[in-house]
C-alpha atoms as a PDB file:
ATOM      1  CA  MET A   1       0.006  -0.082  -0.011  1.00  0.00           C
ATOM      2  CA  PRO A   2       1.502   3.515  -1.022  1.00  0.00           C
ATOM      3  CA  LEU A   3       2.695   5.562   1.949  1.00  0.00           C
ATOM      4  CA  GLU A   4       1.055   8.860   2.906  1.00  0.00           C
ATOM      5  CA  PRO A   5       2.642  11.903   0.913  1.00  0.00           C
ATOM      6  CA  GLY A   6       5.694  13.536   2.078  1.00  0.00           C
ATOM      7  CA  PHE A   7       9.307  12.857   3.140  1.00  0.00           C
ATOM      8  CA  SER A   8      12.241  13.729   5.417  1.00  0.00           C
ATOM      9  CA  ILE A   9      15.593  14.578   4.162  1.00  0.00           C
ATOM     10  CA  PHE A  10      18.349  13.664   6.825  1.00  0.00           C
ATOM     11  CA  ILE A  11      21.690  15.155   6.527  1.00  0.00           C
ATOM     12  CA  PRO A  12      24.405  14.533   8.955  1.00  0.00           C
ATOM     13  CA  VAL A  13      26.892  17.446   9.262  1.00  0.00           C
ATOM     14  CA  TYR A  14      30.284  18.132  10.868  1.00  0.00           C
ATOM     15  CA  ASN A  15      31.907  21.516  10.298  1.00  0.00           C
ATOM     16  CA  GLU A  16      30.323  22.228   7.076  1.00  0.00           C
ATOM     17  CA  GLU A  17      30.305  25.903   7.444  1.00  0.00           C
ATOM     18  CA  ALA A  18      31.469  26.374   3.834  1.00  0.00           C
ATOM     19  CA  LEU A  19      28.732  24.321   2.353  1.00  0.00           C
ATOM     20  CA  VAL A  20      25.682  24.220   4.419  1.00  0.00           C
ATOM     21  CA  VAL A  21      23.739  27.585   3.244  1.00  0.00           C
ATOM     22  CA  GLN A  22      24.646  27.108  -0.515  1.00  0.00           C
ATOM     23  CA  ASN A  23      23.929  23.430  -0.505  1.00  0.00           C
ATOM     24  CA  ILE A  24      20.769  23.587   1.497  1.00  0.00           C
ATOM     25  CA  SER A  25      19.382  26.153  -0.845  1.00  0.00           C
ATOM     26  CA  THR A  26      20.099  24.132  -3.962  1.00  0.00           C
ATOM     27  CA  LEU A  27      18.535  21.040  -2.276  1.00  0.00           C
ATOM     28  CA  ASN A  28      15.651  23.121  -1.320  1.00  0.00           C
ATOM     29  CA  ARG A  29      14.957  24.336  -4.977  1.00  0.00           C
ATOM     30  CA  PHE A  30      15.155  20.580  -5.950  1.00  0.00           C
ATOM     31  CA  LEU A  31      12.643  19.564  -3.499  1.00  0.00           C
ATOM     32  CA  GLU A  32      10.233  22.254  -4.005  1.00  0.00           C
ATOM     33  CA  ALA A  33       9.968  21.268  -7.925  1.00  0.00           C
ATOM     34  CA  MET A  34       8.788  17.588  -6.664  1.00  0.00           C
ATOM     35  CA  GLU A  35       5.556  19.243  -5.183  1.00  0.00           C
ATOM     36  CA  ARG A  36       5.524  16.786  -2.232  1.00  0.00           C
ATOM     37  CA  PRO A  37       5.416  17.770   1.464  1.00  0.00           C
ATOM     38  CA  TYR A  38       8.710  17.473   2.865  1.00  0.00           C
ATOM     39  CA  GLU A  39      11.235  18.429   5.811  1.00  0.00           C
ATOM     40  CA  ILE A  40      15.011  18.802   5.729  1.00  0.00           C
ATOM     41  CA  ILE A  41      16.598  17.669   9.077  1.00  0.00           C
ATOM     42  CA  ILE A  42      20.143  18.850   9.578  1.00  0.00           C
ATOM     43  CA  GLY A  43      21.924  16.924  12.265  1.00  0.00           C
ATOM     44  CA  SER A  44      25.133  18.377  13.652  1.00  0.00           C
ATOM     45  CA  ASN A  45      27.493  15.943  15.582  1.00  0.00           C
ATOM     46  CA  GLY A  46      30.441  17.621  17.168  1.00  0.00           C
ATOM     47  CA  SER A  47      30.711  20.777  14.902  1.00  0.00           C
ATOM     48  CA  THR A  48      32.985  23.232  16.356  1.00  0.00           C
ATOM     49  CA  ASP A  49      32.930  26.070  13.261  1.00  0.00           C
ATOM     50  CA  LYS A  50      29.986  28.155  12.314  1.00  0.00           C
ATOM     51  CA  THR A  51      27.854  25.238  11.124  1.00  0.00           C
ATOM     52  CA  VAL A  52      25.433  25.560  14.032  1.00  0.00           C
ATOM     53  CA  ALA A  53      24.976  29.199  13.843  1.00  0.00           C
ATOM     54  CA  LEU A  54      24.203  29.087  10.087  1.00  0.00           C
ATOM     55  CA  ALA A  55      21.965  25.970  10.306  1.00  0.00           C
ATOM     56  CA  ARG A  56      19.914  27.733  13.016  1.00  0.00           C
ATOM     57  CA  GLN A  57      19.663  30.702  10.614  1.00  0.00           C
ATOM     58  CA  LEU A  58      18.488  28.367   8.154  1.00  0.00           C
ATOM     59  CA  CYS A  59      15.706  27.154  10.419  1.00  0.00           C
ATOM     60  CA  ARG A  60      14.479  30.903  10.782  1.00  0.00           C
ATOM     61  CA  ASP A  61      14.389  31.398   7.241  1.00  0.00           C
ATOM     62  CA  TYR A  62      12.803  28.396   6.108  1.00  0.00           C
ATOM     63  CA  SER A  63       9.785  26.738   8.169  1.00  0.00           C
ATOM     64  CA  HIS A  64      10.401  23.310   6.883  1.00  0.00           C
ATOM     65  CA  ILE A  65      13.998  22.977   8.032  1.00  0.00           C
ATOM     66  CA  ARG A  66      14.759  21.397  11.268  1.00  0.00           C
ATOM     67  CA  PHE A  67      18.071  21.224  13.204  1.00  0.00           C
ATOM     68  CA  PHE A  68      19.723  19.541  16.034  1.00  0.00           C
ATOM     69  CA  HIS A  69      23.056  19.676  17.438  1.00  0.00           C
ATOM     70  CA  LEU A  70      25.062  16.638  19.296  1.00  0.00           C
ATOM     71  CA  PRO A  71      28.043  17.839  21.415  1.00  0.00           C
ATOM     72  CA  GLN A  72      30.034  14.671  20.548  1.00  0.00           C
ATOM     73  CA  LYS A  73      31.194  13.627  16.829  1.00  0.00           C
ATOM     74  CA  GLY A  74      29.291  10.500  15.790  1.00  0.00           C
ATOM     75  CA  VAL A  75      27.294  10.076  12.386  1.00  0.00           C
ATOM     76  CA  GLY A  76      25.624   6.923  13.983  1.00  0.00           C
ATOM     77  CA  ALA A  77      24.377   9.059  17.019  1.00  0.00           C
ATOM     78  CA  ALA A  78      23.056  11.881  14.537  1.00  0.00           C
ATOM     79  CA  PHE A  79      21.195   9.191  12.519  1.00  0.00           C
ATOM     80  CA  ARG A  80      19.419   7.688  15.583  1.00  0.00           C
ATOM     81  CA  GLU A  81      18.283  11.353  16.662  1.00  0.00           C
ATOM     82  CA  GLY A  82      17.427  12.189  13.192  1.00  0.00           C
ATOM     83  CA  VAL A  83      15.016   9.229  12.684  1.00  0.00           C
ATOM     84  CA  LYS A  84      13.414   9.954  16.071  1.00  0.00           C
ATOM     85  CA  ARG A  85      12.584  13.408  15.067  1.00  0.00           C
ATOM     86  CA  ALA A  86      11.497  12.557  11.394  1.00  0.00           C
ATOM     87  CA  GLY A  87       7.840  13.731  10.607  1.00  0.00           C
ATOM     88  CA  TYR A  88       7.406  11.623   7.700  1.00  0.00           C
ATOM     89  CA  GLU A  89       7.393   7.730   7.019  1.00  0.00           C
ATOM     90  CA  ARG A  90       9.816   8.205   4.022  1.00  0.00           C
ATOM     91  CA  ILE A  91      13.320   8.959   5.350  1.00  0.00           C
ATOM     92  CA  ILE A  92      16.076   9.789   2.737  1.00  0.00           C
ATOM     93  CA  ALA A  93      19.575  10.083   3.943  1.00  0.00           C
ATOM     94  CA  LEU A  94      22.139  12.505   1.924  1.00  0.00           C
ATOM     95  CA  ASP A  95      25.600  13.861   2.444  1.00  0.00           C
ATOM     96  CA  MET A  96      25.986  17.730   2.917  1.00  0.00           C
ATOM     97  CA  ASP A  97      28.426  17.919  -0.362  1.00  0.00           C
ATOM     98  CA  LEU A  98      25.423  16.784  -2.302  1.00  0.00           C
ATOM     99  CA  SER A  99      27.915  14.471  -4.142  1.00  0.00           C
ATOM    100  CA  ILE A 100      25.179  12.079  -4.980  1.00  0.00           C
ATOM    101  CA  ASN A 101      22.963  13.072  -7.865  1.00  0.00           C
ATOM    102  CA  LEU A 102      19.617  14.336  -6.614  1.00  0.00           C
ATOM    103  CA  ASN A 103      17.652  12.203  -8.729  1.00  0.00           C
ATOM    104  CA  PHE A 104      17.965   9.547  -5.992  1.00  0.00           C
ATOM    105  CA  ILE A 105      15.309  11.382  -4.026  1.00  0.00           C
ATOM    106  CA  PRO A 106      12.352  10.912  -6.505  1.00  0.00           C
ATOM    107  CA  ARG A 107      13.497   7.371  -7.303  1.00  0.00           C
ATOM    108  CA  SER A 108      13.773   6.385  -3.531  1.00  0.00           C
ATOM    109  CA  TYR A 109      10.379   8.350  -2.693  1.00  0.00           C
ATOM    110  CA  THR A 110       8.507   6.082  -5.245  1.00  0.00           C
ATOM    111  CA  LEU A 111      10.391   2.836  -4.257  1.00  0.00           C
ATOM    112  CA  LEU A 112       9.726   3.201  -0.644  1.00  0.00           C
ATOM    113  CA  ASP A 113       6.068   2.495  -1.369  1.00  0.00           C
ATOM    114  CA  HIS A 114       7.064  -1.112  -1.957  1.00  0.00           C
ATOM    115  CA  TYR A 115      10.405  -1.560   0.060  1.00  0.00           C
ATOM    116  CA  ASP A 116      11.534  -1.067   3.551  1.00  0.00           C
ATOM    117  CA  MET A 117      14.815   0.348   2.556  1.00  0.00           C
ATOM    118  CA  VAL A 118      16.500   1.585  -0.721  1.00  0.00           C
ATOM    119  CA  VAL A 119      20.323   1.379  -1.106  1.00  0.00           C
ATOM    120  CA  GLY A 120      21.960   3.837  -3.639  1.00  0.00           C
ATOM    121  CA  SER A 121      25.052   1.980  -5.147  1.00  0.00           C
ATOM    122  CA  LYS A 122      28.027   4.216  -6.694  1.00  0.00           C
ATOM    123  CA  ILE A 123      29.612   0.952  -7.806  1.00  0.00           C
ATOM    124  CA  THR A 124      26.695  -0.081 -10.071  1.00  0.00           C
ATOM    125  CA  GLY A 125      26.211   3.668 -11.095  1.00  0.00           C
ATOM    126  CA  ILE A 126      28.886   6.165 -11.864  1.00  0.00           C
ATOM    127  CA  GLN A 127      31.455   7.491  -9.566  1.00  0.00           C
ATOM    128  CA  ARG A 128      34.192   9.823  -9.622  1.00  0.00           C
ATOM    129  CA  ARG A 129      36.232   9.254  -6.581  1.00  0.00           C
ATOM    130  CA  SER A 130      39.873   8.660  -5.625  1.00  0.00           C
ATOM    131  CA  TRP A 131      41.158   5.312  -6.303  1.00  0.00           C
ATOM    132  CA  ILE A 132      42.224   4.612  -2.988  1.00  0.00           C
ATOM    133  CA  ARG A 133      38.627   5.086  -1.600  1.00  0.00           C
ATOM    134  CA  LYS A 134      37.168   3.203  -4.419  1.00  0.00           C
ATOM    135  CA  GLY A 135      39.626   0.456  -3.643  1.00  0.00           C
ATOM    136  CA  ALA A 136      38.881   0.217   0.082  1.00  0.00           C
ATOM    137  CA  SER A 137      35.306   0.150  -0.687  1.00  0.00           C
ATOM    138  CA  ASN A 138      35.473  -2.706  -3.272  1.00  0.00           C
ATOM    139  CA  LEU A 139      37.565  -4.748  -0.797  1.00  0.00           C
ATOM    140  CA  PHE A 140      34.989  -4.189   2.001  1.00  0.00           C
ATOM    141  CA  ILE A 141      31.919  -4.949  -0.169  1.00  0.00           C
ATOM    142  CA  ARG A 142      33.671  -8.436  -1.295  1.00  0.00           C
ATOM    143  CA  LEU A 143      34.309  -9.247   2.233  1.00  0.00           C
ATOM    144  CA  ALA A 144      30.817  -8.373   3.523  1.00  0.00           C
ATOM    145  CA  LYS A 145      29.553 -10.856   0.651  1.00  0.00           C
ATOM    146  CA  VAL A 146      31.616 -13.638   1.739  1.00  0.00           C
ATOM    147  CA  LEU A 147      31.416 -13.245   5.504  1.00  0.00           C
ATOM    148  CA  LEU A 148      27.740 -12.131   6.026  1.00  0.00           C
ATOM    149  CA  HIS A 149      26.399 -13.406   2.570  1.00  0.00           C
ATOM    150  CA  ILE A 150      24.765 -10.069   1.880  1.00  0.00           C
ATOM    151  CA  ALA A 151      25.365  -8.893  -1.724  1.00  0.00           C
ATOM    152  CA  PHE A 152      24.869  -5.223  -1.660  1.00  0.00           C
ATOM    153  CA  THR A 153      27.539  -2.887  -3.373  1.00  0.00           C
ATOM    154  CA  ASP A 154      27.260   0.343  -1.331  1.00  0.00           C
ATOM    155  CA  TYR A 155      27.449   0.602   2.669  1.00  0.00           C
ATOM    156  CA  SER A 156      28.213   4.469   3.012  1.00  0.00           C
ATOM    157  CA  ILE A 157      25.877   6.725   4.738  1.00  0.00           C
ATOM    158  CA  ALA A 158      24.440   8.627   1.840  1.00  0.00           C
ATOM    159  CA  ALA A 159      21.909   7.905  -0.796  1.00  0.00           C
ATOM    160  CA  LYS A 160      20.151   5.451   1.662  1.00  0.00           C
ATOM    161  CA  ALA A 161      16.211   5.540   2.143  1.00  0.00           C
ATOM    162  CA  TYR A 162      14.243   3.895   4.999  1.00  0.00           C
ATOM    163  CA  ARG A 163      10.701   3.736   6.013  1.00  0.00           C
ATOM    164  CA  ARG A 164      10.664   5.128   9.352  1.00  0.00           C
ATOM    165  CA  ARG A 165       9.128   2.198  11.180  1.00  0.00           C
ATOM    166  CA  PHE A 166      11.868   0.060   9.698  1.00  0.00           C
ATOM    167  CA  ALA A 167      14.623   2.258  10.798  1.00  0.00           C
ATOM    168  CA  VAL A 168      13.158   2.494  14.268  1.00  0.00           C
ATOM    169  CA  LYS A 169      13.194  -1.233  14.652  1.00  0.00           C
ATOM    170  CA  TYR A 170      17.101  -1.166  14.122  1.00  0.00           C
ATOM    171  CA  LEU A 171      18.052   1.744  16.068  1.00  0.00           C
ATOM    172  CA  SER A 172      19.225  -0.300  19.067  1.00  0.00           C
ATOM    173  CA  CYS A 173      21.866  -1.651  16.860  1.00  0.00           C
ATOM    174  CA  VAL A 174      23.060   1.589  15.266  1.00  0.00           C
ATOM    175  CA  ASP A 175      26.442   2.613  16.793  1.00  0.00           C
ATOM    176  CA  GLU A 176      27.998   6.047  17.340  1.00  0.00           C
ATOM    177  CA  LYS A 177      30.019   5.944  14.098  1.00  0.00           C
ATOM    178  CA  THR A 178      29.556   4.758  10.414  1.00  0.00           C
ATOM    179  CA  PHE A 179      29.175   0.921  10.656  1.00  0.00           C
ATOM    180  CA  TYR A 180      25.239   1.193  11.070  1.00  0.00           C
ATOM    181  CA  VAL A 181      24.248   0.673   7.487  1.00  0.00           C
ATOM    182  CA  VAL A 182      26.033  -2.800   7.274  1.00  0.00           C
ATOM    183  CA  GLU A 183      24.242  -3.780  10.605  1.00  0.00           C
ATOM    184  CA  ILE A 184      20.926  -2.608   9.524  1.00  0.00           C
ATOM    185  CA  LEU A 185      21.280  -4.258   6.089  1.00  0.00           C
ATOM    186  CA  TYR A 186      22.577  -7.500   7.751  1.00  0.00           C
ATOM    187  CA  ARG A 187      19.805  -7.777  10.290  1.00  0.00           C
ATOM    188  CA  ALA A 188      17.135  -6.660   7.456  1.00  0.00           C
ATOM    189  CA  CYS A 189      18.290  -9.488   5.188  1.00  0.00           C
ATOM    190  CA  ARG A 190      18.212 -11.934   7.998  1.00  0.00           C
ATOM    191  CA  GLU A 191      14.632 -11.237   8.876  1.00  0.00           C
ATOM    192  CA  GLY A 192      13.466 -11.275   5.355  1.00  0.00           C
ATOM    193  CA  LYS A 193      12.708  -7.317   5.085  1.00  0.00           C
ATOM    194  CA  ARG A 194      12.308  -5.784   1.788  1.00  0.00           C
ATOM    195  CA  VAL A 195      15.477  -4.100   0.496  1.00  0.00           C
ATOM    196  CA  THR A 196      16.243  -3.062  -2.949  1.00  0.00           C
ATOM    197  CA  GLU A 197      19.381  -1.291  -4.446  1.00  0.00           C
ATOM    198  CA  ILE A 198      19.671   1.164  -7.413  1.00  0.00           C
ATOM    199  CA  PRO A 199      22.554   2.772  -9.122  1.00  0.00           C
ATOM    200  CA  VAL A 200      23.378   6.481  -8.489  1.00  0.00           C
ATOM    201  CA  LYS A 201      25.876   8.992  -9.887  1.00  0.00           C
ATOM    202  CA  CYS A 202      28.520  10.156  -7.464  1.00  0.00           C
ATOM    203  CA  HIS A 203      30.963  12.958  -8.036  1.00  0.00           C
ATOM    204  CA  ASP A 204      32.988  13.163  -4.736  1.00  0.00           C
ATOM    205  CA  THR A 205      36.491  14.455  -5.141  1.00  0.00           C
ATOM    206  CA  ARG A 206      36.806  16.475  -1.852  1.00  0.00           C
ATOM    207  CA  GLU A 207      39.185  15.156   0.839  1.00  0.00           C
ATOM    208  CA  SER A 208      37.573  12.561   3.185  1.00  0.00           C
ATOM    209  CA  ARG A 209      36.208  13.870   6.379  1.00  0.00           C
ATOM    210  CA  PHE A 210      37.392  10.723   8.071  1.00  0.00           C
ATOM    211  CA  ASN A 211      41.126   9.336   8.898  1.00  0.00           C
ATOM    212  CA  LEU A 212      41.079   6.603   6.360  1.00  0.00           C
ATOM    213  CA  ILE A 213      43.312   4.473   8.356  1.00  0.00           C
ATOM    214  CA  HIS A 214      41.463   4.771  11.444  1.00  0.00           C
ATOM    215  CA  GLU A 215      38.232   4.521   9.589  1.00  0.00           C
ATOM    216  CA  GLY A 216      39.312   1.460   7.842  1.00  0.00           C
ATOM    217  CA  CYS A 217      40.348  -0.445  11.046  1.00  0.00           C
ATOM    218  CA  TYR A 218      37.034   0.479  12.597  1.00  0.00           C
ATOM    219  CA  LYS A 219      35.091  -0.714   9.534  1.00  0.00           C
ATOM    220  CA  PHE A 220      36.895  -3.926   9.077  1.00  0.00           C
ATOM    221  CA  GLY A 221      37.123  -4.728  12.739  1.00  0.00           C
ATOM    222  CA  ASN A 222      33.290  -4.204  13.115  1.00  0.00           C
ATOM    223  CA  LEU A 223      32.770  -6.537   9.900  1.00  0.00           C
ATOM    224  CA  PHE A 224      34.673  -9.375  11.462  1.00  0.00           C
ATOM    225  CA  ARG A 225      32.798  -8.854  14.765  1.00  0.00           C
ATOM    226  CA  LEU A 226      29.450  -9.147  12.976  1.00  0.00           C
ATOM    227  CA  TRP A 227      30.732 -12.292  11.194  1.00  0.00           C
ATOM    228  CA  LEU A 228      31.676 -13.725  14.488  1.00  0.00           C
ATOM    229  CA  TYR A 229      28.175 -12.793  15.732  1.00  0.00           C
ATOM    230  CA  SER A 230      26.335 -14.324  12.529  1.00  0.00           C
ATOM    231  CA  ILE A 231      28.282 -17.638  13.190  1.00  0.00           C
ATOM    232  CA  ARG A 232      27.163 -17.933  16.961  1.00  0.00           C
ATOM    233  CA  ASP A 233      23.440 -16.952  15.762  1.00  0.00           C
ATOM    234  CA  ARG A 234      23.296 -19.743  13.148  1.00  0.00           C
END
């Protein structure tokens, strides 16, 4: 059955003073053209620059923009809070740099009438990213397929869409950082939820906001942790 009209865009931010005003304006124009009820939820996690002040001003300028600030850095914590605050059943997650083509929004909006989660995949689409980031992603995806028996090709934060009731069900397994997409997909597949994947266009050439060595150790470590859990759970 189709969902009620409307959707929530969730964008986690960390020190994005250079982008937040311009890109929210760009996003807002795109969403207005869809002619559907919507809200934009900006979730700061640990920002120490002017992001917080600029986002609060955006809330004063636009009635459909929501904002919250968490004192500690952690995109997973921001995701949990964003889901709790969402006013619509459709939740679409983007990055503040808008590196994913915005056509993902109307496509996932429609698909959420039939699926619990929509995965936007850079690998099956078109991507302009550094070779080291593409190489690390490819290795991680292959290991996830072998260890967890899940065959998705993108576990990043952006270009993911959720039914709110589905996301709420898995909030208890969302950690403070960036692994939560893998955790949700593993559990959703194990429980027979309706998940689909579509290709997206990605143009992401700016420097990563994460320390790639620390992020790699964290993600691969959590992948093996989840694999051990899957063995015990069989």
